[in-house]
Amino acid sequence: MTQSDRAIADTVGTDPEHMARIARALSHPARIRILQLLAEQNECKGAEVFSGLPLAQSTISEHLRVLREAGLVSSHPVGTAMTYCLVPERIAAFTDALDFVADAPACDS
């Protein structure tokens, strides 16, 4: 893990605001499906995402915006199209933070 990746992991793992932003981004089934589509390849053109979901293009664009703002997805232009890809460091940092919580001792009921 690079120093930059470690900084992202530290920020996500210790900042409740970042954790909440990511949790909100993951709270919609369409956004989960977008992450699944992106996980199947290194990068994905917008048209491939749009054709992979039974939603209006504007709705998918909004979901992609939420995922980008949470830092889970990045994008860059290729010609006239946008290309999207996952940000695995951000996802790993979030799951590491959840693992920490999941490993906490349980209450005796």
Protein backbone atom coordinates (compact mmCIF):
# COMPACT_ATOMS: atom_id res chain seq x y z
CA MET A 1 0.00 0.00 0.00
CA THR A 2 1.42 3.39 -0.99
CA GLN A 3 1.61 6.35 1.35
CA SER A 4 -1.34 7.92 -0.51
CA ASP A 5 -3.38 4.71 -0.15
CA ARG A 6 -2.55 4.58 3.56
CA ALA A 7 -3.67 8.20 3.97
CA ILE A 8 -7.00 7.37 2.32
CA ALA A 9 -7.40 4.31 4.53
CA ASP A 10 -6.59 6.28 7.68
CA THR A 11 -9.04 9.03 6.75
CA VAL A 12 -11.88 6.64 5.95
CA GLY A 13 -11.21 4.43 8.94
CA THR A 14 -11.11 7.22 11.50
CA ASP A 15 -13.50 9.84 10.16
CA PRO A 16 -17.18 9.12 10.84
CA GLU A 17 -18.22 11.63 8.14
CA HIS A 18 -16.29 9.72 5.45
CA MET A 19 -17.69 6.42 6.71
CA ALA A 20 -21.24 7.81 6.60
CA ARG A 21 -20.76 9.22 3.08
CA ILE A 22 -19.61 5.84 1.83
CA ALA A 23 -22.40 4.01 3.66
CA ARG A 24 -24.97 6.36 2.08
CA ALA A 25 -23.43 5.77 -1.35
CA LEU A 26 -23.77 2.01 -0.84
CA SER A 27 -27.37 2.25 0.35
CA HIS A 28 -29.03 1.96 -3.06
CA PRO A 29 -29.30 -1.28 -5.08
CA ALA A 30 -28.53 0.50 -8.37
CA ARG A 31 -25.26 1.84 -6.95
CA ILE A 32 -24.32 -1.64 -5.75
CA ARG A 33 -25.03 -2.94 -9.27
CA ILE A 34 -22.86 -0.19 -10.77
CA LEU A 35 -19.99 -1.25 -8.48
CA GLN A 36 -20.51 -4.85 -9.58
CA LEU A 37 -20.38 -3.83 -13.25
CA LEU A 38 -17.20 -1.85 -12.68
CA ALA A 39 -15.62 -4.70 -10.70
CA GLU A 40 -15.96 -6.95 -13.73
CA GLN A 41 -13.40 -4.92 -15.70
CA ASN A 42 -10.57 -2.41 -15.27
CA GLU A 43 -12.63 0.48 -16.56
CA CYS A 44 -16.03 0.90 -18.07
CA LYS A 45 -17.37 3.43 -20.56
CA GLY A 46 -20.51 5.24 -19.51
CA ALA A 47 -22.48 3.61 -22.32
CA GLU A 48 -21.62 0.17 -20.90
CA VAL A 49 -22.90 1.21 -17.48
CA PHE A 50 -26.03 2.71 -19.01
CA SER A 51 -26.75 -0.46 -20.99
CA GLY A 52 -26.15 -2.64 -17.92
CA LEU A 53 -29.00 -1.17 -15.90
CA PRO A 54 -32.71 -0.81 -16.64
CA LEU A 55 -32.73 2.86 -15.59
CA ALA A 56 -32.79 6.20 -17.36
CA GLN A 57 -29.38 7.58 -18.28
CA SER A 58 -29.96 10.62 -16.09
CA THR A 59 -30.73 8.38 -13.10
CA ILE A 60 -27.57 6.33 -13.64
CA SER A 61 -25.55 9.54 -14.02
CA GLU A 62 -26.87 10.69 -10.64
CA HIS A 63 -25.90 7.36 -9.05
CA LEU A 64 -22.41 7.65 -10.57
CA ARG A 65 -22.13 11.18 -9.16
CA VAL A 66 -22.92 9.90 -5.66
CA LEU A 67 -20.34 7.11 -6.01
CA ARG A 68 -17.71 9.58 -7.28
CA GLU A 69 -18.38 12.02 -4.45
CA ALA A 70 -17.96 9.18 -1.94
CA GLY A 71 -14.62 8.37 -3.57
CA LEU A 72 -15.64 4.85 -4.57
CA VAL A 73 -15.52 5.52 -8.32
CA SER A 74 -13.30 7.72 -10.43
CA SER A 75 -13.90 8.95 -13.96
CA HIS A 76 -11.98 10.46 -16.82
CA PRO A 77 -12.86 11.44 -20.39
CA VAL A 78 -11.78 9.25 -23.30
CA GLY A 79 -12.64 11.07 -26.50
CA THR A 80 -16.25 12.15 -26.16
CA ALA A 81 -17.14 9.46 -23.61
CA MET A 82 -16.57 9.18 -19.88
CA THR A 83 -14.81 6.15 -18.49
CA TYR A 84 -15.42 4.95 -14.92
CA CYS A 85 -13.42 2.69 -12.64
CA LEU A 86 -13.40 1.60 -9.02
CA VAL A 87 -11.13 3.14 -6.39
CA PRO A 88 -10.13 -0.07 -4.59
CA GLU A 89 -8.14 1.70 -1.86
CA ARG A 90 -11.24 3.58 -0.74
CA ILE A 91 -13.37 0.43 -0.76
CA ALA A 92 -10.71 -1.53 1.12
CA ALA A 93 -10.38 1.21 3.74
CA PHE A 94 -14.14 1.15 4.31
CA THR A 95 -14.25 -2.63 4.65
CA ASP A 96 -11.23 -2.53 6.99
CA ALA A 97 -13.08 -0.04 9.19
CA LEU A 98 -16.16 -2.29 9.18
CA ASP A 99 -13.97 -5.29 10.06
CA PHE A 100 -12.73 -3.38 13.09
CA VAL A 101 -16.31 -2.85 14.24
CA ALA A 102 -17.32 -6.42 13.41
CA ASP A 103 -14.41 -7.75 15.49
CA ALA A 104 -15.48 -5.80 18.56
CA PRO A 105 -16.56 -7.87 21.57
CA ALA A 106 -20.28 -8.63 21.64
CA CYS A 107 -22.52 -7.72 24.53
CA ASP A 108 -23.55 -10.47 26.90
CA SER A 109 -27.33 -10.65 26.62
